[in-house]
Amino acid sequence: MLVALGVGLVALQRLLELALSRRNERRLRARGAVERGRGHYPFIVGLHALWLAGTLAEGLLRPGFPPWWPAALAAFLLAQPLRYWAILSLGERWSTRVLVVPGERPVRRGPYRYLRHPNYLAVVVEIFAFPMIFGAWAVAVAFSALNALALYVRVREEERALSELAKPAGRR
């Protein structure tokens, strides 16, 4: 039953993040933000919902913890500070959608000084590590592949939006 508790906690985390995202979306749109990549957004939402459901289902089918669960838990927990550092660094600009306010500079503080997409790195780790805690290796592998496809599309859309709408970093 620990798998149900774990999935419930991660689901609660995601729901709270969606509430923050919606608040930030309203603020961004009020400042004139333009949304890009609307077409792939339902796929990403579905992917994350099915990832949690799949983790629960496969985790229930594989009672007990696998021998590697401490490493998987450590990876999952270590991804959390990176995720929240990225979210806090973006502040009101963070959302689950690709929203860019024309003319604003891209954020270059926090982990964005070192990585172009730190939040996505954390999500890659989470998508693989969380199911592995409960021995749900099929979910870990399948959803990592699906997430790679989603991120390929997402990052291209985000980069295109930033290059077309954001102010270049060197200009004032």
N, C-alpha and C. Protein backbone atom coordinates (compact mmCIF):
# COMPACT_ATOMS: atom_id res chain seq x y z
N MET A 1 0.80 -1.21 0.00
CA MET A 1 0.00 0.00 0.00
C MET A 1 0.84 1.27 0.00
N LEU A 2 2.15 1.13 0.23
CA LEU A 2 3.00 2.32 0.19
C LEU A 2 3.02 2.94 -1.20
N VAL A 3 2.82 2.13 -2.23
CA VAL A 3 2.76 2.68 -3.58
C VAL A 3 1.57 3.63 -3.71
N ALA A 4 0.44 3.30 -3.11
CA ALA A 4 -0.73 4.18 -3.17
C ALA A 4 -0.45 5.49 -2.44
N LEU A 5 0.22 5.42 -1.30
CA LEU A 5 0.59 6.63 -0.57
C LEU A 5 1.54 7.49 -1.40
N GLY A 6 2.56 6.84 -1.97
CA GLY A 6 3.53 7.57 -2.79
C GLY A 6 2.88 8.24 -3.98
N VAL A 7 2.05 7.50 -4.70
CA VAL A 7 1.35 8.07 -5.87
C VAL A 7 0.43 9.20 -5.42
N GLY A 8 -0.25 9.01 -4.30
CA GLY A 8 -1.13 10.06 -3.79
C GLY A 8 -0.37 11.33 -3.46
N LEU A 9 0.80 11.19 -2.85
CA LEU A 9 1.61 12.37 -2.51
C LEU A 9 2.12 13.09 -3.76
N VAL A 10 2.57 12.32 -4.75
CA VAL A 10 3.06 12.95 -5.99
C VAL A 10 1.88 13.59 -6.75
N ALA A 11 0.73 12.94 -6.73
CA ALA A 11 -0.46 13.52 -7.37
C ALA A 11 -0.83 14.84 -6.68
N LEU A 12 -0.79 14.87 -5.37
CA LEU A 12 -1.09 16.10 -4.63
C LEU A 12 -0.07 17.18 -4.98
N GLN A 13 1.19 16.81 -5.05
CA GLN A 13 2.24 17.76 -5.45
C GLN A 13 1.90 18.36 -6.81
N ARG A 14 1.55 17.51 -7.76
CA ARG A 14 1.25 17.99 -9.11
C ARG A 14 0.00 18.88 -9.14
N LEU A 15 -1.01 18.53 -8.36
CA LEU A 15 -2.23 19.36 -8.31
C LEU A 15 -1.94 20.74 -7.72
N LEU A 16 -1.11 20.79 -6.70
CA LEU A 16 -0.72 22.08 -6.12
C LEU A 16 0.08 22.90 -7.13
N GLU A 17 0.94 22.23 -7.88
CA GLU A 17 1.72 22.92 -8.91
C GLU A 17 0.81 23.43 -10.02
N LEU A 18 -0.22 22.66 -10.38
CA LEU A 18 -1.17 23.12 -11.39
C LEU A 18 -1.91 24.37 -10.92
N ALA A 19 -2.25 24.42 -9.64
CA ALA A 19 -2.91 25.62 -9.10
C ALA A 19 -1.98 26.83 -9.20
N LEU A 20 -0.71 26.64 -8.85
CA LEU A 20 0.27 27.72 -8.99
C LEU A 20 0.42 28.12 -10.45
N SER A 21 0.47 27.14 -11.32
CA SER A 21 0.59 27.40 -12.75
C SER A 21 -0.58 28.23 -13.26
N ARG A 22 -1.78 27.85 -12.87
CA ARG A 22 -2.97 28.59 -13.33
C ARG A 22 -2.94 30.04 -12.85
N ARG A 23 -2.52 30.25 -11.60
CA ARG A 23 -2.40 31.62 -11.08
C ARG A 23 -1.39 32.40 -11.91
N ASN A 24 -0.24 31.78 -12.17
CA ASN A 24 0.78 32.46 -12.97
C ASN A 24 0.32 32.68 -14.40
N GLU A 25 -0.42 31.73 -14.97
CA GLU A 25 -0.94 31.89 -16.33
C GLU A 25 -1.82 33.13 -16.42
N ARG A 26 -2.70 33.32 -15.45
CA ARG A 26 -3.58 34.51 -15.45
C ARG A 26 -2.74 35.79 -15.42
N ARG A 27 -1.72 35.80 -14.59
CA ARG A 27 -0.86 36.98 -14.49
C ARG A 27 -0.08 37.21 -15.79
N LEU A 28 0.43 36.14 -16.36
CA LEU A 28 1.17 36.27 -17.61
C LEU A 28 0.28 36.76 -18.74
N ARG A 29 -0.90 36.20 -18.85
CA ARG A 29 -1.83 36.63 -19.91
C ARG A 29 -2.23 38.10 -19.71
N ALA A 30 -2.38 38.53 -18.47
CA ALA A 30 -2.71 39.94 -18.19
C ALA A 30 -1.58 40.86 -18.64
N ARG A 31 -0.36 40.34 -18.68
CA ARG A 31 0.79 41.12 -19.14
C ARG A 31 1.02 40.96 -20.64
N GLY A 32 0.12 40.25 -21.32
CA GLY A 32 0.22 40.11 -22.77
C GLY A 32 0.95 38.88 -23.26
N ALA A 33 1.09 37.88 -22.42
CA ALA A 33 1.82 36.67 -22.82
C ALA A 33 1.15 36.00 -24.00
N VAL A 34 1.98 35.42 -24.84
CA VAL A 34 1.55 34.66 -26.01
C VAL A 34 1.81 33.19 -25.71
N GLU A 35 0.82 32.34 -26.00
CA GLU A 35 0.99 30.91 -25.77
C GLU A 35 1.40 30.22 -27.05
N ARG A 36 2.35 29.33 -26.92
CA ARG A 36 2.78 28.48 -28.03
C ARG A 36 2.70 27.02 -27.58
N GLY A 37 2.61 26.12 -28.54
CA GLY A 37 2.63 24.70 -28.23
C GLY A 37 1.35 24.19 -27.60
N ARG A 38 0.26 24.87 -27.85
CA ARG A 38 -1.02 24.47 -27.27
C ARG A 38 -1.41 23.04 -27.67
N GLY A 39 -1.04 22.63 -28.86
CA GLY A 39 -1.44 21.33 -29.37
C GLY A 39 -0.86 20.15 -28.61
N HIS A 40 0.35 20.28 -28.10
CA HIS A 40 0.97 19.16 -27.39
C HIS A 40 0.64 19.14 -25.90
N TYR A 41 0.06 20.20 -25.38
CA TYR A 41 -0.22 20.28 -23.95
C TYR A 41 -1.11 19.15 -23.44
N PRO A 42 -2.21 18.82 -24.12
CA PRO A 42 -3.04 17.70 -23.62
C PRO A 42 -2.27 16.37 -23.56
N PHE A 43 -1.34 16.16 -24.49
CA PHE A 43 -0.52 14.95 -24.47
C PHE A 43 0.33 14.91 -23.20
N ILE A 44 0.92 16.04 -22.84
CA ILE A 44 1.77 16.10 -21.65
C ILE A 44 0.94 15.87 -20.38
N VAL A 45 -0.24 16.48 -20.32
CA VAL A 45 -1.11 16.28 -19.15
C VAL A 45 -1.51 14.81 -19.05
N GLY A 46 -1.92 14.23 -20.16
CA GLY A 46 -2.29 12.81 -20.17
C GLY A 46 -1.13 11.91 -19.82
N LEU A 47 0.04 12.22 -20.33
CA LEU A 47 1.24 11.44 -20.03
C LEU A 47 1.50 11.39 -18.54
N HIS A 48 1.43 12.55 -17.88
CA HIS A 48 1.71 12.59 -16.45
C HIS A 48 0.63 11.88 -15.64
N ALA A 49 -0.62 12.02 -16.04
CA ALA A 49 -1.71 11.33 -15.33
C ALA A 49 -1.58 9.82 -15.48
N LEU A 50 -1.31 9.37 -16.70
CA LEU A 50 -1.16 7.94 -16.94
C LEU A 50 0.10 7.38 -16.30
N TRP A 51 1.14 8.18 -16.21
CA TRP A 51 2.37 7.77 -15.53
C TRP A 51 2.08 7.43 -14.06
N LEU A 52 1.32 8.29 -13.41
CA LEU A 52 0.96 8.02 -12.01
C LEU A 52 0.06 6.80 -11.90
N ALA A 53 -0.94 6.70 -12.77
CA ALA A 53 -1.85 5.55 -12.74
C ALA A 53 -1.09 4.26 -13.04
N GLY A 54 -0.18 4.31 -14.00
CA GLY A 54 0.62 3.14 -14.34
C GLY A 54 1.55 2.73 -13.21
N THR A 55 2.13 3.73 -12.54
CA THR A 55 2.99 3.42 -11.40
C THR A 55 2.18 2.72 -10.31
N LEU A 56 0.98 3.21 -10.05
CA LEU A 56 0.13 2.58 -9.05
C LEU A 56 -0.22 1.15 -9.46
N ALA A 57 -0.66 0.98 -10.70
CA ALA A 57 -1.08 -0.35 -11.16
C ALA A 57 0.07 -1.35 -11.14
N GLU A 58 1.19 -0.98 -11.75
CA GLU A 58 2.32 -1.92 -11.78
C GLU A 58 2.91 -2.11 -10.39
N GLY A 59 2.94 -1.06 -9.60
CA GLY A 59 3.44 -1.17 -8.24
C GLY A 59 2.61 -2.12 -7.39
N LEU A 60 1.30 -2.12 -7.60
CA LEU A 60 0.43 -3.05 -6.87
C LEU A 60 0.62 -4.49 -7.33
N LEU A 61 0.99 -4.65 -8.60
CA LEU A 61 1.23 -5.99 -9.13
C LEU A 61 2.56 -6.58 -8.66
N ARG A 62 3.46 -5.72 -8.21
CA ARG A 62 4.79 -6.15 -7.78
C ARG A 62 4.96 -5.80 -6.30
N PRO A 63 4.34 -6.58 -5.43
CA PRO A 63 4.41 -6.24 -4.00
C PRO A 63 5.85 -6.29 -3.47
N GLY A 64 6.10 -5.48 -2.48
CA GLY A 64 7.45 -5.40 -1.92
C GLY A 64 8.30 -4.42 -2.70
N PHE A 65 9.45 -4.14 -2.17
CA PHE A 65 10.35 -3.19 -2.82
C PHE A 65 11.48 -3.94 -3.51
N PRO A 66 11.90 -3.47 -4.67
CA PRO A 66 13.03 -4.11 -5.35
C PRO A 66 14.33 -3.73 -4.63
N PRO A 67 15.40 -4.46 -4.90
CA PRO A 67 16.67 -4.17 -4.23
C PRO A 67 17.22 -2.77 -4.53
N TRP A 68 16.85 -2.19 -5.65
CA TRP A 68 17.38 -0.88 -6.04
C TRP A 68 16.54 0.29 -5.53
N TRP A 69 15.51 0.02 -4.73
CA TRP A 69 14.62 1.10 -4.33
C TRP A 69 15.31 2.26 -3.63
N PRO A 70 16.35 2.04 -2.80
CA PRO A 70 16.98 3.21 -2.16
C PRO A 70 17.62 4.17 -3.18
N ALA A 71 18.24 3.61 -4.22
CA ALA A 71 18.86 4.46 -5.25
C ALA A 71 17.79 5.22 -6.03
N ALA A 72 16.69 4.55 -6.35
CA ALA A 72 15.59 5.21 -7.07
C ALA A 72 14.98 6.31 -6.21
N LEU A 73 14.77 6.04 -4.95
CA LEU A 73 14.21 7.06 -4.05
C LEU A 73 15.16 8.25 -3.93
N ALA A 74 16.45 7.96 -3.80
CA ALA A 74 17.44 9.04 -3.71
C ALA A 74 17.42 9.91 -4.96
N ALA A 75 17.36 9.28 -6.13
CA ALA A 75 17.32 10.05 -7.39
C ALA A 75 16.06 10.91 -7.45
N PHE A 76 14.93 10.33 -7.08
CA PHE A 76 13.68 11.08 -7.09
C PHE A 76 13.76 12.27 -6.13
N LEU A 77 14.24 12.02 -4.93
CA LEU A 77 14.32 13.10 -3.94
C LEU A 77 15.33 14.17 -4.32
N LEU A 78 16.43 13.76 -4.96
CA LEU A 78 17.44 14.74 -5.39
C LEU A 78 16.94 15.60 -6.55
N ALA A 79 15.99 15.11 -7.32
CA ALA A 79 15.42 15.90 -8.42
C ALA A 79 14.53 17.03 -7.89
N GLN A 80 13.96 16.85 -6.71
CA GLN A 80 13.02 17.84 -6.18
C GLN A 80 13.64 19.22 -5.95
N PRO A 81 14.80 19.33 -5.32
CA PRO A 81 15.38 20.67 -5.16
C PRO A 81 15.65 21.37 -6.50
N LEU A 82 16.08 20.61 -7.49
CA LEU A 82 16.31 21.21 -8.81
C LEU A 82 14.99 21.73 -9.39
N ARG A 83 13.92 20.93 -9.30
CA ARG A 83 12.61 21.36 -9.80
C ARG A 83 12.16 22.65 -9.13
N TYR A 84 12.26 22.67 -7.80
CA TYR A 84 11.76 23.85 -7.09
C TYR A 84 12.69 25.04 -7.20
N TRP A 85 13.96 24.81 -7.39
CA TRP A 85 14.88 25.92 -7.67
C TRP A 85 14.51 26.54 -9.02
N ALA A 86 14.22 25.71 -9.99
CA ALA A 86 13.80 26.22 -11.30
C ALA A 86 12.48 26.98 -11.20
N ILE A 87 11.51 26.40 -10.51
CA ILE A 87 10.19 27.05 -10.37
C ILE A 87 10.34 28.39 -9.64
N LEU A 88 11.09 28.41 -8.54
CA LEU A 88 11.28 29.65 -7.78
C LEU A 88 12.06 30.68 -8.59
N SER A 89 13.03 30.24 -9.38
CA SER A 89 13.82 31.16 -10.20
C SER A 89 12.97 31.82 -11.27
N LEU A 90 12.01 31.09 -11.82
CA LEU A 90 11.11 31.67 -12.83
C LEU A 90 10.05 32.54 -12.19
N GLY A 91 9.72 32.29 -10.94
CA GLY A 91 8.72 33.10 -10.24
C GLY A 91 7.39 33.07 -10.97
N GLU A 92 6.82 34.24 -11.20
CA GLU A 92 5.51 34.33 -11.86
C GLU A 92 5.56 33.90 -13.32
N ARG A 93 6.73 33.70 -13.87
CA ARG A 93 6.83 33.24 -15.25
C ARG A 93 6.67 31.73 -15.38
N TRP A 94 6.72 31.01 -14.25
CA TRP A 94 6.61 29.55 -14.34
C TRP A 94 5.17 29.14 -14.55
N SER A 95 4.98 28.27 -15.53
CA SER A 95 3.67 27.65 -15.74
C SER A 95 3.90 26.34 -16.48
N THR A 96 2.85 25.55 -16.53
CA THR A 96 2.95 24.28 -17.24
C THR A 96 2.72 24.46 -18.74
N ARG A 97 2.41 25.66 -19.14
CA ARG A 97 2.22 25.98 -20.56
C ARG A 97 3.41 26.80 -21.06
N VAL A 98 3.55 26.89 -22.37
CA VAL A 98 4.59 27.72 -22.96
C VAL A 98 3.98 29.11 -23.16
N LEU A 99 4.26 30.00 -22.23
CA LEU A 99 3.76 31.38 -22.27
C LEU A 99 4.94 32.33 -22.21
N VAL A 100 5.02 33.23 -23.17
CA VAL A 100 6.12 34.19 -23.23
C VAL A 100 5.54 35.58 -23.37
N VAL A 101 5.98 36.51 -22.51
CA VAL A 101 5.58 37.91 -22.63
C VAL A 101 6.52 38.55 -23.64
N PRO A 102 5.99 39.02 -24.78
CA PRO A 102 6.86 39.61 -25.80
C PRO A 102 7.72 40.74 -25.23
N GLY A 103 8.99 40.70 -25.59
CA GLY A 103 9.93 41.74 -25.19
C GLY A 103 10.62 41.51 -23.87
N GLU A 104 10.22 40.53 -23.09
CA GLU A 104 10.91 40.26 -21.84
C GLU A 104 12.12 39.36 -22.09
N ARG A 105 13.16 39.57 -21.31
CA ARG A 105 14.35 38.74 -21.42
C ARG A 105 14.12 37.37 -20.79
N PRO A 106 14.73 36.35 -21.34
CA PRO A 106 14.66 35.04 -20.68
C PRO A 106 15.34 35.09 -19.30
N VAL A 107 14.88 34.29 -18.39
CA VAL A 107 15.45 34.22 -17.05
C VAL A 107 16.83 33.57 -17.13
N ARG A 108 17.81 34.18 -16.48
CA ARG A 108 19.17 33.66 -16.47
C ARG A 108 19.71 33.56 -15.05
N ARG A 109 18.83 33.41 -14.07
CA ARG A 109 19.26 33.27 -12.68
C ARG A 109 18.95 31.86 -12.20
N GLY A 110 19.46 31.56 -11.01
CA GLY A 110 19.21 30.23 -10.46
C GLY A 110 19.85 29.18 -11.35
N PRO A 111 19.18 28.04 -11.51
CA PRO A 111 19.76 26.97 -12.33
C PRO A 111 19.82 27.33 -13.81
N TYR A 112 19.09 28.38 -14.21
CA TYR A 112 19.10 28.81 -15.61
C TYR A 112 20.42 29.45 -16.00
N ARG A 113 21.26 29.75 -15.02
CA ARG A 113 22.64 30.21 -15.31
C ARG A 113 23.46 29.07 -15.88
N TYR A 114 23.11 27.83 -15.52
CA TYR A 114 23.91 26.66 -15.86
C TYR A 114 23.26 25.74 -16.88
N LEU A 115 21.94 25.67 -16.85
CA LEU A 115 21.19 24.75 -17.72
C LEU A 115 20.08 25.51 -18.43
N ARG A 116 19.83 25.13 -19.66
CA ARG A 116 18.78 25.80 -20.42
C ARG A 116 17.38 25.40 -19.93
N HIS A 117 17.20 24.14 -19.57
CA HIS A 117 15.89 23.63 -19.14
C HIS A 117 16.03 22.75 -17.89
N PRO A 118 16.37 23.35 -16.76
CA PRO A 118 16.60 22.53 -15.56
C PRO A 118 15.35 21.80 -15.07
N ASN A 119 14.20 22.40 -15.22
CA ASN A 119 12.97 21.73 -14.76
C ASN A 119 12.74 20.44 -15.54
N TYR A 120 13.04 20.45 -16.82
CA TYR A 120 12.84 19.24 -17.62
C TYR A 120 13.83 18.15 -17.24
N LEU A 121 15.04 18.54 -16.85
CA LEU A 121 16.00 17.54 -16.38
C LEU A 121 15.45 16.85 -15.13
N ALA A 122 14.89 17.64 -14.22
CA ALA A 122 14.31 17.06 -13.01
C ALA A 122 13.15 16.13 -13.35
N VAL A 123 12.33 16.52 -14.30
CA VAL A 123 11.18 15.69 -14.69
C VAL A 123 11.65 14.39 -15.33
N VAL A 124 12.69 14.44 -16.14
CA VAL A 124 13.25 13.21 -16.74
C VAL A 124 13.65 12.23 -15.64
N VAL A 125 14.32 12.74 -14.62
CA VAL A 125 14.74 11.88 -13.50
C VAL A 125 13.51 11.33 -12.79
N GLU A 126 12.54 12.18 -12.51
CA GLU A 126 11.33 11.76 -11.80
C GLU A 126 10.56 10.68 -12.55
N ILE A 127 10.37 10.89 -13.84
CA ILE A 127 9.58 9.95 -14.65
C ILE A 127 10.19 8.55 -14.59
N PHE A 128 11.51 8.47 -14.56
CA PHE A 128 12.15 7.16 -14.48
C PHE A 128 12.25 6.65 -13.04
N ALA A 129 12.70 7.51 -12.13
CA ALA A 129 13.02 7.06 -10.78
C ALA A 129 11.80 6.71 -9.93
N PHE A 130 10.75 7.50 -10.02
CA PHE A 130 9.61 7.26 -9.13
C PHE A 130 9.00 5.87 -9.30
N PRO A 131 8.69 5.42 -10.52
CA PRO A 131 8.15 4.06 -10.65
C PRO A 131 9.15 2.99 -10.21
N MET A 132 10.44 3.26 -10.40
CA MET A 132 11.46 2.28 -10.03
C MET A 132 11.50 2.04 -8.53
N ILE A 133 11.09 3.01 -7.72
CA ILE A 133 11.03 2.82 -6.27
C ILE A 133 10.16 1.62 -5.94
N PHE A 134 9.09 1.46 -6.71
CA PHE A 134 8.10 0.41 -6.45
C PHE A 134 8.24 -0.80 -7.38
N GLY A 135 9.34 -0.86 -8.10
CA GLY A 135 9.58 -1.98 -9.00
C GLY A 135 8.80 -1.90 -10.30
N ALA A 136 8.22 -0.75 -10.59
CA ALA A 136 7.42 -0.58 -11.81
C ALA A 136 8.34 -0.20 -12.98
N TRP A 137 9.21 -1.13 -13.33
CA TRP A 137 10.21 -0.84 -14.37
C TRP A 137 9.59 -0.67 -15.75
N ALA A 138 8.51 -1.38 -16.05
CA ALA A 138 7.87 -1.21 -17.38
C ALA A 138 7.34 0.20 -17.53
N VAL A 139 6.72 0.73 -16.48
CA VAL A 139 6.23 2.12 -16.51
C VAL A 139 7.41 3.07 -16.64
N ALA A 140 8.47 2.83 -15.88
CA ALA A 140 9.64 3.70 -15.93
C ALA A 140 10.21 3.79 -17.34
N VAL A 141 10.35 2.65 -17.99
CA VAL A 141 10.94 2.62 -19.33
C VAL A 141 9.98 3.21 -20.37
N ALA A 142 8.73 2.76 -20.36
CA ALA A 142 7.76 3.22 -21.36
C ALA A 142 7.50 4.72 -21.25
N PHE A 143 7.31 5.20 -20.03
CA PHE A 143 6.99 6.62 -19.88
C PHE A 143 8.22 7.50 -20.04
N SER A 144 9.40 6.97 -19.81
CA SER A 144 10.61 7.74 -20.11
C SER A 144 10.71 7.95 -21.62
N ALA A 145 10.39 6.92 -22.39
CA ALA A 145 10.42 7.06 -23.86
C ALA A 145 9.36 8.06 -24.33
N LEU A 146 8.15 7.95 -23.79
CA LEU A 146 7.08 8.88 -24.17
C LEU A 146 7.42 10.31 -23.73
N ASN A 147 8.02 10.44 -22.56
CA ASN A 147 8.41 11.75 -22.08
C ASN A 147 9.51 12.35 -22.96
N ALA A 148 10.43 11.53 -23.43
CA ALA A 148 11.47 12.03 -24.34
C ALA A 148 10.85 12.60 -25.61
N LEU A 149 9.86 11.91 -26.14
CA LEU A 149 9.15 12.41 -27.32
C LEU A 149 8.45 13.74 -27.00
N ALA A 150 7.74 13.78 -25.87
CA ALA A 150 7.04 15.01 -25.48
C ALA A 150 8.01 16.16 -25.28
N LEU A 151 9.14 15.90 -24.64
CA LEU A 151 10.11 16.96 -24.41
C LEU A 151 10.79 17.41 -25.69
N TYR A 152 10.97 16.51 -26.63
CA TYR A 152 11.52 16.90 -27.93
C TYR A 152 10.63 17.96 -28.57
N VAL A 153 9.34 17.72 -28.56
CA VAL A 153 8.38 18.68 -29.13
C VAL A 153 8.32 19.93 -28.28
N ARG A 154 8.22 19.75 -26.98
CA ARG A 154 8.06 20.87 -26.05
C ARG A 154 9.24 21.83 -26.08
N VAL A 155 10.45 21.31 -26.01
CA VAL A 155 11.63 22.17 -25.99
C VAL A 155 11.76 22.93 -27.30
N ARG A 156 11.46 22.29 -28.41
CA ARG A 156 11.50 23.01 -29.70
C ARG A 156 10.51 24.16 -29.72
N GLU A 157 9.29 23.93 -29.23
CA GLU A 157 8.28 24.99 -29.17
C GLU A 157 8.72 26.12 -28.24
N GLU A 158 9.26 25.74 -27.10
CA GLU A 158 9.70 26.74 -26.14
C GLU A 158 10.85 27.58 -26.70
N GLU A 159 11.81 26.93 -27.31
CA GLU A 159 12.94 27.65 -27.90
C GLU A 159 12.48 28.58 -29.02
N ARG A 160 11.57 28.09 -29.84
CA ARG A 160 11.04 28.92 -30.93
C ARG A 160 10.31 30.14 -30.35
N ALA A 161 9.49 29.93 -29.34
CA ALA A 161 8.75 31.03 -28.72
C ALA A 161 9.71 32.06 -28.13
N LEU A 162 10.73 31.59 -27.43
CA LEU A 162 11.69 32.51 -26.83
C LEU A 162 12.46 33.29 -27.89
N SER A 163 12.86 32.62 -28.97
CA SER A 163 13.63 33.32 -30.00
C SER A 163 12.77 34.32 -30.78
N GLU A 164 11.50 34.03 -30.93
CA GLU A 164 10.62 34.93 -31.67
C GLU A 164 10.06 36.07 -30.82
N LEU A 165 9.85 35.81 -29.53
CA LEU A 165 9.11 36.77 -28.71
C LEU A 165 9.93 37.47 -27.63
N ALA A 166 10.92 36.80 -27.10
CA ALA A 166 11.68 37.37 -25.98
C ALA A 166 12.73 38.34 -26.49
N LYS A 167 13.09 39.26 -25.63
CA LYS A 167 14.15 40.22 -25.94
C LYS A 167 15.48 39.48 -25.82
N PRO A 168 16.38 39.65 -26.77
CA PRO A 168 17.68 39.00 -26.66
C PRO A 168 18.38 39.41 -25.36
N ALA A 169 19.15 38.51 -24.81
CA ALA A 169 19.78 38.72 -23.49
C ALA A 169 20.70 39.94 -23.47
N GLY A 170 21.34 40.28 -24.56
CA GLY A 170 22.29 41.37 -24.57
C GLY A 170 21.68 42.76 -24.70
N ARG A 171 20.43 42.89 -25.06
CA ARG A 171 19.80 44.19 -25.27
C ARG A 171 19.08 44.68 -24.02
N ARG A 172 19.01 45.99 -23.91
CA ARG A 172 18.28 46.57 -22.76
C ARG A 172 17.00 47.17 -23.22
